[in-house]
Amino acid sequence: MQREKTGGFFMEIEGRQRVIVSGCQGISTYTEECVGYRTPFGEVLIYGTGLEMGCMTPEGATVSGRIGRIEFQ
């Protein structure tokens, strides 16, 4: 498990099965191959297969499925 925290934005990566994003400001993309979130630092794109967005609260959101890569734009 990796953790990265920067100025209100926090991402927890649980292997290739789940990502928890805290401090996101909204959803920019949502398909089975890509889930994107707006953050204070730009956009975070999570790519993979069979991606599903779990709960989304004001504190954060979860994505599960087979995670292939994560990009920051």
PDB file of N, CA and C in Angstrom:
ATOM      1  N   MET A   1       0.846  -1.168   0.000  1.00  0.00           N
ATOM      2  CA  MET A   1       0.000   0.000   0.000  1.00  0.00           C
ATOM      3  C   MET A   1       0.894   1.233   0.000  1.00  0.00           C
ATOM      4  N   GLN A   2       0.598   2.181  -0.884  1.00  0.00           N
ATOM      5  CA  GLN A   2       1.338   3.439  -0.957  1.00  0.00           C
ATOM      6  C   GLN A   2       0.420   4.565  -0.535  1.00  0.00           C
ATOM      7  N   ARG A   3       0.993   5.582   0.093  1.00  0.00           N
ATOM      8  CA  ARG A   3       0.217   6.757   0.476  1.00  0.00           C
ATOM      9  C   ARG A   3       0.950   8.000   0.024  1.00  0.00           C
ATOM     10  N   GLU A   4       0.194   8.944  -0.482  1.00  0.00           N
ATOM     11  CA  GLU A   4       0.754  10.217  -0.935  1.00  0.00           C
ATOM     12  C   GLU A   4      -0.183  11.321  -0.477  1.00  0.00           C
ATOM     13  N   LYS A   5       0.341  12.310   0.249  1.00  0.00           N
ATOM     14  CA  LYS A   5      -0.496  13.401   0.741  1.00  0.00           C
ATOM     15  C   LYS A   5       0.165  14.728   0.418  1.00  0.00           C
ATOM     16  N   THR A   6      -0.607  15.619  -0.205  1.00  0.00           N
ATOM     17  CA  THR A   6      -0.096  16.933  -0.565  1.00  0.00           C
ATOM     18  C   THR A   6      -1.221  17.950  -0.447  1.00  0.00           C
ATOM     19  N   GLY A   7      -1.122  18.882   0.469  1.00  0.00           N
ATOM     20  CA  GLY A   7      -2.029  20.025   0.574  1.00  0.00           C
ATOM     21  C   GLY A   7      -3.497  19.736   0.431  1.00  0.00           C
ATOM     22  N   GLY A   8      -4.072  18.842   1.217  1.00  0.00           N
ATOM     23  CA  GLY A   8      -5.486  18.552   1.151  1.00  0.00           C
ATOM     24  C   GLY A   8      -5.841  17.452   0.169  1.00  0.00           C
ATOM     25  N   PHE A   9      -4.942  17.106  -0.718  1.00  0.00           N
ATOM     26  CA  PHE A   9      -5.160  16.009  -1.663  1.00  0.00           C
ATOM     27  C   PHE A   9      -4.435  14.786  -1.136  1.00  0.00           C
ATOM     28  N   PHE A  10      -5.126  13.658  -1.116  1.00  0.00           N
ATOM     29  CA  PHE A  10      -4.568  12.433  -0.567  1.00  0.00           C
ATOM     30  C   PHE A  10      -5.013  11.263  -1.432  1.00  0.00           C
ATOM     31  N   MET A  11      -4.071  10.375  -1.760  1.00  0.00           N
ATOM     32  CA  MET A  11      -4.406   9.199  -2.545  1.00  0.00           C
ATOM     33  C   MET A  11      -3.815   7.969  -1.870  1.00  0.00           C
ATOM     34  N   GLU A  12      -4.642   6.961  -1.702  1.00  0.00           N
ATOM     35  CA  GLU A  12      -4.201   5.690  -1.139  1.00  0.00           C
ATOM     36  C   GLU A  12      -4.394   4.621  -2.207  1.00  0.00           C
ATOM     37  N   ILE A  13      -3.323   3.905  -2.509  1.00  0.00           N
ATOM     38  CA  ILE A  13      -3.350   2.887  -3.548  1.00  0.00           C
ATOM     39  C   ILE A  13      -3.215   1.529  -2.891  1.00  0.00           C
ATOM     40  N   GLU A  14      -4.211   0.682  -3.104  1.00  0.00           N
ATOM     41  CA  GLU A  14      -4.203  -0.661  -2.534  1.00  0.00           C
ATOM     42  C   GLU A  14      -3.953  -1.661  -3.649  1.00  0.00           C
ATOM     43  N   GLY A  15      -2.664  -1.933  -3.910  1.00  0.00           N
ATOM     44  CA  GLY A  15      -2.299  -2.844  -4.988  1.00  0.00           C
ATOM     45  C   GLY A  15      -2.829  -2.363  -6.315  1.00  0.00           C
ATOM     46  N   ARG A  16      -3.326  -3.282  -7.109  1.00  0.00           N
ATOM     47  CA  ARG A  16      -3.922  -2.932  -8.399  1.00  0.00           C
ATOM     48  C   ARG A  16      -5.437  -3.070  -8.370  1.00  0.00           C
ATOM     49  N   GLN A  17      -6.001  -3.137  -7.149  1.00  0.00           N
ATOM     50  CA  GLN A  17      -7.438  -3.368  -7.042  1.00  0.00           C
ATOM     51  C   GLN A  17      -8.254  -2.156  -6.630  1.00  0.00           C
ATOM     52  N   ARG A  18      -7.656  -1.204  -5.918  1.00  0.00           N
ATOM     53  CA  ARG A  18      -8.467  -0.114  -5.372  1.00  0.00           C
ATOM     54  C   ARG A  18      -7.627   1.142  -5.157  1.00  0.00           C
ATOM     55  N   VAL A  19      -8.254   2.292  -5.426  1.00  0.00           N
ATOM     56  CA  VAL A  19      -7.637   3.593  -5.184  1.00  0.00           C
ATOM     57  C   VAL A  19      -8.654   4.446  -4.428  1.00  0.00           C
ATOM     58  N   ILE A  20      -8.178   5.108  -3.380  1.00  0.00           N
ATOM     59  CA  ILE A  20      -9.014   6.033  -2.620  1.00  0.00           C
ATOM     60  C   ILE A  20      -8.438   7.431  -2.836  1.00  0.00           C
ATOM     61  N   VAL A  21      -9.273   8.351  -3.301  1.00  0.00           N
ATOM     62  CA  VAL A  21      -8.841   9.716  -3.580  1.00  0.00           C
ATOM     63  C   VAL A  21      -9.589  10.648  -2.632  1.00  0.00           C
ATOM     64  N   SER A  22      -8.858  11.377  -1.803  1.00  0.00           N
ATOM     65  CA  SER A  22      -9.454  12.363  -0.904  1.00  0.00           C
ATOM     66  C   SER A  22      -9.071  13.754  -1.378  1.00  0.00           C
ATOM     67  N   GLY A  23      -9.954  14.702  -1.175  1.00  0.00           N
ATOM     68  CA  GLY A  23      -9.681  16.074  -1.583  1.00  0.00           C
ATOM     69  C   GLY A  23      -9.993  16.330  -3.046  1.00  0.00           C
ATOM     70  N   CYS A  24     -10.762  15.431  -3.688  1.00  0.00           N
ATOM     71  CA  CYS A  24     -11.128  15.668  -5.080  1.00  0.00           C
ATOM     72  C   CYS A  24     -12.282  16.665  -5.135  1.00  0.00           C
ATOM     73  N   GLN A  25     -12.352  17.381  -6.240  1.00  0.00           N
ATOM     74  CA  GLN A  25     -13.349  18.443  -6.383  1.00  0.00           C
ATOM     75  C   GLN A  25     -14.445  18.092  -7.371  1.00  0.00           C
ATOM     76  N   GLY A  26     -14.428  16.876  -7.886  1.00  0.00           N
ATOM     77  CA  GLY A  26     -15.464  16.456  -8.814  1.00  0.00           C
ATOM     78  C   GLY A  26     -14.941  15.414  -9.776  1.00  0.00           C
ATOM     79  N   ILE A  27     -15.862  14.849 -10.531  1.00  0.00           N
ATOM     80  CA  ILE A  27     -15.537  13.812 -11.513  1.00  0.00           C
ATOM     81  C   ILE A  27     -15.403  14.466 -12.876  1.00  0.00           C
ATOM     82  N   SER A  28     -14.327  14.135 -13.597  1.00  0.00           N
ATOM     83  CA  SER A  28     -14.149  14.665 -14.945  1.00  0.00           C
ATOM     84  C   SER A  28     -14.422  13.607 -16.012  1.00  0.00           C
ATOM     85  N   THR A  29     -14.185  12.334 -15.685  1.00  0.00           N
ATOM     86  CA  THR A  29     -14.354  11.230 -16.625  1.00  0.00           C
ATOM     87  C   THR A  29     -14.819  10.002 -15.872  1.00  0.00           C
ATOM     88  N   TYR A  30     -15.741   9.237 -16.470  1.00  0.00           N
ATOM     89  CA  TYR A  30     -16.148   7.990 -15.826  1.00  0.00           C
ATOM     90  C   TYR A  30     -16.557   6.971 -16.881  1.00  0.00           C
ATOM     91  N   THR A  31     -15.663   6.013 -17.148  1.00  0.00           N
ATOM     92  CA  THR A  31     -15.952   4.869 -18.011  1.00  0.00           C
ATOM     93  C   THR A  31     -15.368   3.635 -17.324  1.00  0.00           C
ATOM     94  N   GLU A  32     -15.565   2.469 -17.915  1.00  0.00           N
ATOM     95  CA  GLU A  32     -14.986   1.243 -17.363  1.00  0.00           C
ATOM     96  C   GLU A  32     -13.475   1.201 -17.534  1.00  0.00           C
ATOM     97  N   GLU A  33     -12.929   2.061 -18.406  1.00  0.00           N
ATOM     98  CA  GLU A  33     -11.484   2.087 -18.660  1.00  0.00           C
ATOM     99  C   GLU A  33     -10.776   3.288 -18.052  1.00  0.00           C
ATOM    100  N   CYS A  34     -11.520   4.326 -17.651  1.00  0.00           N
ATOM    101  CA  CYS A  34     -10.883   5.533 -17.118  1.00  0.00           C
ATOM    102  C   CYS A  34     -11.825   6.275 -16.172  1.00  0.00           C
ATOM    103  N   VAL A  35     -11.302   6.606 -14.994  1.00  0.00           N
ATOM    104  CA  VAL A  35     -12.030   7.447 -14.046  1.00  0.00           C
ATOM    105  C   VAL A  35     -11.133   8.638 -13.750  1.00  0.00           C
ATOM    106  N   GLY A  36     -11.665   9.831 -13.922  1.00  0.00           N
ATOM    107  CA  GLY A  36     -10.882  11.040 -13.698  1.00  0.00           C
ATOM    108  C   GLY A  36     -11.511  11.930 -12.651  1.00  0.00           C
ATOM    109  N   TYR A  37     -10.652  12.521 -11.810  1.00  0.00           N
ATOM    110  CA  TYR A  37     -11.099  13.435 -10.764  1.00  0.00           C
ATOM    111  C   TYR A  37     -10.369  14.759 -10.898  1.00  0.00           C
ATOM    112  N   ARG A  38     -11.082  15.853 -10.646  1.00  0.00           N
ATOM    113  CA  ARG A  38     -10.451  17.164 -10.548  1.00  0.00           C
ATOM    114  C   ARG A  38      -9.951  17.327  -9.118  1.00  0.00           C
ATOM    115  N   THR A  39      -8.737  17.864  -8.977  1.00  0.00           N
ATOM    116  CA  THR A  39      -8.151  18.101  -7.660  1.00  0.00           C
ATOM    117  C   THR A  39      -7.603  19.525  -7.629  1.00  0.00           C
ATOM    118  N   PRO A  40      -7.172  20.004  -6.468  1.00  0.00           N
ATOM    119  CA  PRO A  40      -6.575  21.342  -6.405  1.00  0.00           C
ATOM    120  C   PRO A  40      -5.311  21.474  -7.250  1.00  0.00           C
ATOM    121  N   PHE A  41      -4.706  20.340  -7.647  1.00  0.00           N
ATOM    122  CA  PHE A  41      -3.441  20.357  -8.388  1.00  0.00           C
ATOM    123  C   PHE A  41      -3.596  19.948  -9.836  1.00  0.00           C
ATOM    124  N   GLY A  42      -4.807  19.798 -10.314  1.00  0.00           N
ATOM    125  CA  GLY A  42      -5.041  19.357 -11.683  1.00  0.00           C
ATOM    126  C   GLY A  42      -5.935  18.130 -11.682  1.00  0.00           C
ATOM    127  N   GLU A  43      -5.781  17.331 -12.701  1.00  0.00           N
ATOM    128  CA  GLU A  43      -6.631  16.167 -12.865  1.00  0.00           C
ATOM    129  C   GLU A  43      -5.849  14.890 -12.585  1.00  0.00           C
ATOM    130  N   VAL A  44      -6.515  13.931 -11.940  1.00  0.00           N
ATOM    131  CA  VAL A  44      -5.966  12.599 -11.712  1.00  0.00           C
ATOM    132  C   VAL A  44      -6.790  11.639 -12.553  1.00  0.00           C
ATOM    133  N   LEU A  45      -6.122  10.888 -13.422  1.00  0.00           N
ATOM    134  CA  LEU A  45      -6.795   9.914 -14.275  1.00  0.00           C
ATOM    135  C   LEU A  45      -6.348   8.519 -13.864  1.00  0.00           C
ATOM    136  N   ILE A  46      -7.308   7.651 -13.607  1.00  0.00           N
ATOM    137  CA  ILE A  46      -7.038   6.268 -13.221  1.00  0.00           C
ATOM    138  C   ILE A  46      -7.496   5.397 -14.375  1.00  0.00           C
ATOM    139  N   TYR A  47      -6.553   4.651 -14.971  1.00  0.00           N
ATOM    140  CA  TYR A  47      -6.840   3.790 -16.118  1.00  0.00           C
ATOM    141  C   TYR A  47      -6.797   2.333 -15.696  1.00  0.00           C
ATOM    142  N   GLY A  48      -7.619   1.518 -16.339  1.00  0.00           N
ATOM    143  CA  GLY A  48      -7.618   0.092 -16.055  1.00  0.00           C
ATOM    144  C   GLY A  48      -8.760  -0.579 -16.791  1.00  0.00           C
ATOM    145  N   THR A  49      -9.183  -1.730 -16.282  1.00  0.00           N
ATOM    146  CA  THR A  49     -10.296  -2.465 -16.872  1.00  0.00           C
ATOM    147  C   THR A  49     -11.309  -2.782 -15.784  1.00  0.00           C
ATOM    148  N   GLY A  50     -12.569  -2.774 -16.158  1.00  0.00           N
ATOM    149  CA  GLY A  50     -13.639  -3.067 -15.221  1.00  0.00           C
ATOM    150  C   GLY A  50     -13.691  -2.103 -14.051  1.00  0.00           C
ATOM    151  N   LEU A  51     -13.348  -0.833 -14.296  1.00  0.00           N
ATOM    152  CA  LEU A  51     -13.315   0.145 -13.212  1.00  0.00           C
ATOM    153  C   LEU A  51     -14.729   0.501 -12.769  1.00  0.00           C
ATOM    154  N   GLU A  52     -14.904   0.593 -11.469  1.00  0.00           N
ATOM    155  CA  GLU A  52     -16.173   0.999 -10.887  1.00  0.00           C
ATOM    156  C   GLU A  52     -15.898   2.022  -9.805  1.00  0.00           C
ATOM    157  N   MET A  53     -16.689   3.064  -9.795  1.00  0.00           N
ATOM    158  CA  MET A  53     -16.560   4.061  -8.753  1.00  0.00           C
ATOM    159  C   MET A  53     -17.427   3.611  -7.587  1.00  0.00           C
ATOM    160  N   GLY A  54     -16.829   3.537  -6.417  1.00  0.00           N
ATOM    161  CA  GLY A  54     -17.574   3.189  -5.210  1.00  0.00           C
ATOM    162  C   GLY A  54     -18.227   4.430  -4.656  1.00  0.00           C
ATOM    163  N   CYS A  55     -18.194   4.554  -3.368  1.00  0.00           N
ATOM    164  CA  CYS A  55     -18.835   5.708  -2.745  1.00  0.00           C
ATOM    165  C   CYS A  55     -18.057   6.986  -3.031  1.00  0.00           C
ATOM    166  N   MET A  56     -18.800   8.074  -3.201  1.00  0.00           N
ATOM    167  CA  MET A  56     -18.187   9.392  -3.341  1.00  0.00           C
ATOM    168  C   MET A  56     -18.833  10.292  -2.320  1.00  0.00           C
ATOM    169  N   THR A  57     -18.007  10.838  -1.447  1.00  0.00           N
ATOM    170  CA  THR A  57     -18.476  11.719  -0.396  1.00  0.00           C
ATOM    171  C   THR A  57     -17.734  13.043  -0.536  1.00  0.00           C
ATOM    172  N   PRO A  58     -18.088  14.055   0.222  1.00  0.00           N
ATOM    173  CA  PRO A  58     -17.326  15.310   0.181  1.00  0.00           C
ATOM    174  C   PRO A  58     -15.853  15.107   0.565  1.00  0.00           C
ATOM    175  N   GLU A  59     -15.565  14.039   1.319  1.00  0.00           N
ATOM    176  CA  GLU A  59     -14.188  13.777   1.743  1.00  0.00           C
ATOM    177  C   GLU A  59     -13.374  13.032   0.693  1.00  0.00           C
ATOM    178  N   GLY A  60     -14.033  12.263  -0.181  1.00  0.00           N
ATOM    179  CA  GLY A  60     -13.267  11.513  -1.169  1.00  0.00           C
ATOM    180  C   GLY A  60     -14.098  10.521  -1.949  1.00  0.00           C
ATOM    181  N   ALA A  61     -13.397   9.717  -2.745  1.00  0.00           N
ATOM    182  CA  ALA A  61     -14.047   8.741  -3.612  1.00  0.00           C
ATOM    183  C   ALA A  61     -13.169   7.506  -3.740  1.00  0.00           C
ATOM    184  N   THR A  62     -13.783   6.388  -4.124  1.00  0.00           N
ATOM    185  CA  THR A  62     -13.026   5.160  -4.337  1.00  0.00           C
ATOM    186  C   THR A  62     -13.250   4.649  -5.753  1.00  0.00           C
ATOM    187  N   VAL A  63     -12.225   3.998  -6.283  1.00  0.00           N
ATOM    188  CA  VAL A  63     -12.300   3.332  -7.580  1.00  0.00           C
ATOM    189  C   VAL A  63     -11.766   1.922  -7.376  1.00  0.00           C
ATOM    190  N   SER A  64     -12.496   0.935  -7.884  1.00  0.00           N
ATOM    191  CA  SER A  64     -12.022  -0.437  -7.804  1.00  0.00           C
ATOM    192  C   SER A  64     -12.097  -1.084  -9.173  1.00  0.00           C
ATOM    193  N   GLY A  65     -11.360  -2.140  -9.352  1.00  0.00           N
ATOM    194  CA  GLY A  65     -11.250  -2.844 -10.629  1.00  0.00           C
ATOM    195  C   GLY A  65      -9.804  -3.246 -10.817  1.00  0.00           C
ATOM    196  N   ARG A  66      -9.412  -3.475 -12.037  1.00  0.00           N
ATOM    197  CA  ARG A  66      -8.020  -3.815 -12.340  1.00  0.00           C
ATOM    198  C   ARG A  66      -7.315  -2.519 -12.748  1.00  0.00           C
ATOM    199  N   ILE A  67      -6.546  -1.922 -11.826  1.00  0.00           N
ATOM    200  CA  ILE A  67      -5.878  -0.655 -12.053  1.00  0.00           C
ATOM    201  C   ILE A  67      -4.633  -0.889 -12.912  1.00  0.00           C
ATOM    202  N   GLY A  68      -4.543  -0.164 -14.016  1.00  0.00           N
ATOM    203  CA  GLY A  68      -3.392  -0.283 -14.909  1.00  0.00           C
ATOM    204  C   GLY A  68      -2.361   0.800 -14.659  1.00  0.00           C
ATOM    205  N   ARG A  69      -2.809   2.039 -14.596  1.00  0.00           N
ATOM    206  CA  ARG A  69      -1.894   3.170 -14.363  1.00  0.00           C
ATOM    207  C   ARG A  69      -2.674   4.361 -13.856  1.00  0.00           C
ATOM    208  N   ILE A  70      -1.920   5.302 -13.261  1.00  0.00           N
ATOM    209  CA  ILE A  70      -2.501   6.536 -12.751  1.00  0.00           C
ATOM    210  C   ILE A  70      -1.686   7.682 -13.329  1.00  0.00           C
ATOM    211  N   GLU A  71      -2.375   8.676 -13.884  1.00  0.00           N
ATOM    212  CA  GLU A  71      -1.711   9.838 -14.467  1.00  0.00           C
ATOM    213  C   GLU A  71      -2.153  11.108 -13.759  1.00  0.00           C
ATOM    214  N   PHE A  72      -1.223  12.040 -13.632  1.00  0.00           N
ATOM    215  CA  PHE A  72      -1.507  13.350 -13.075  1.00  0.00           C
ATOM    216  C   PHE A  72      -1.316  14.378 -14.180  1.00  0.00           C
ATOM    217  N   GLN A  73      -2.322  15.213 -14.398  1.00  0.00           N
ATOM    218  CA  GLN A  73      -2.225  16.228 -15.453  1.00  0.00           C
ATOM    219  C   GLN A  73      -2.421  17.603 -14.876  1.00  0.00           C
TER     220      GLN A  73
END
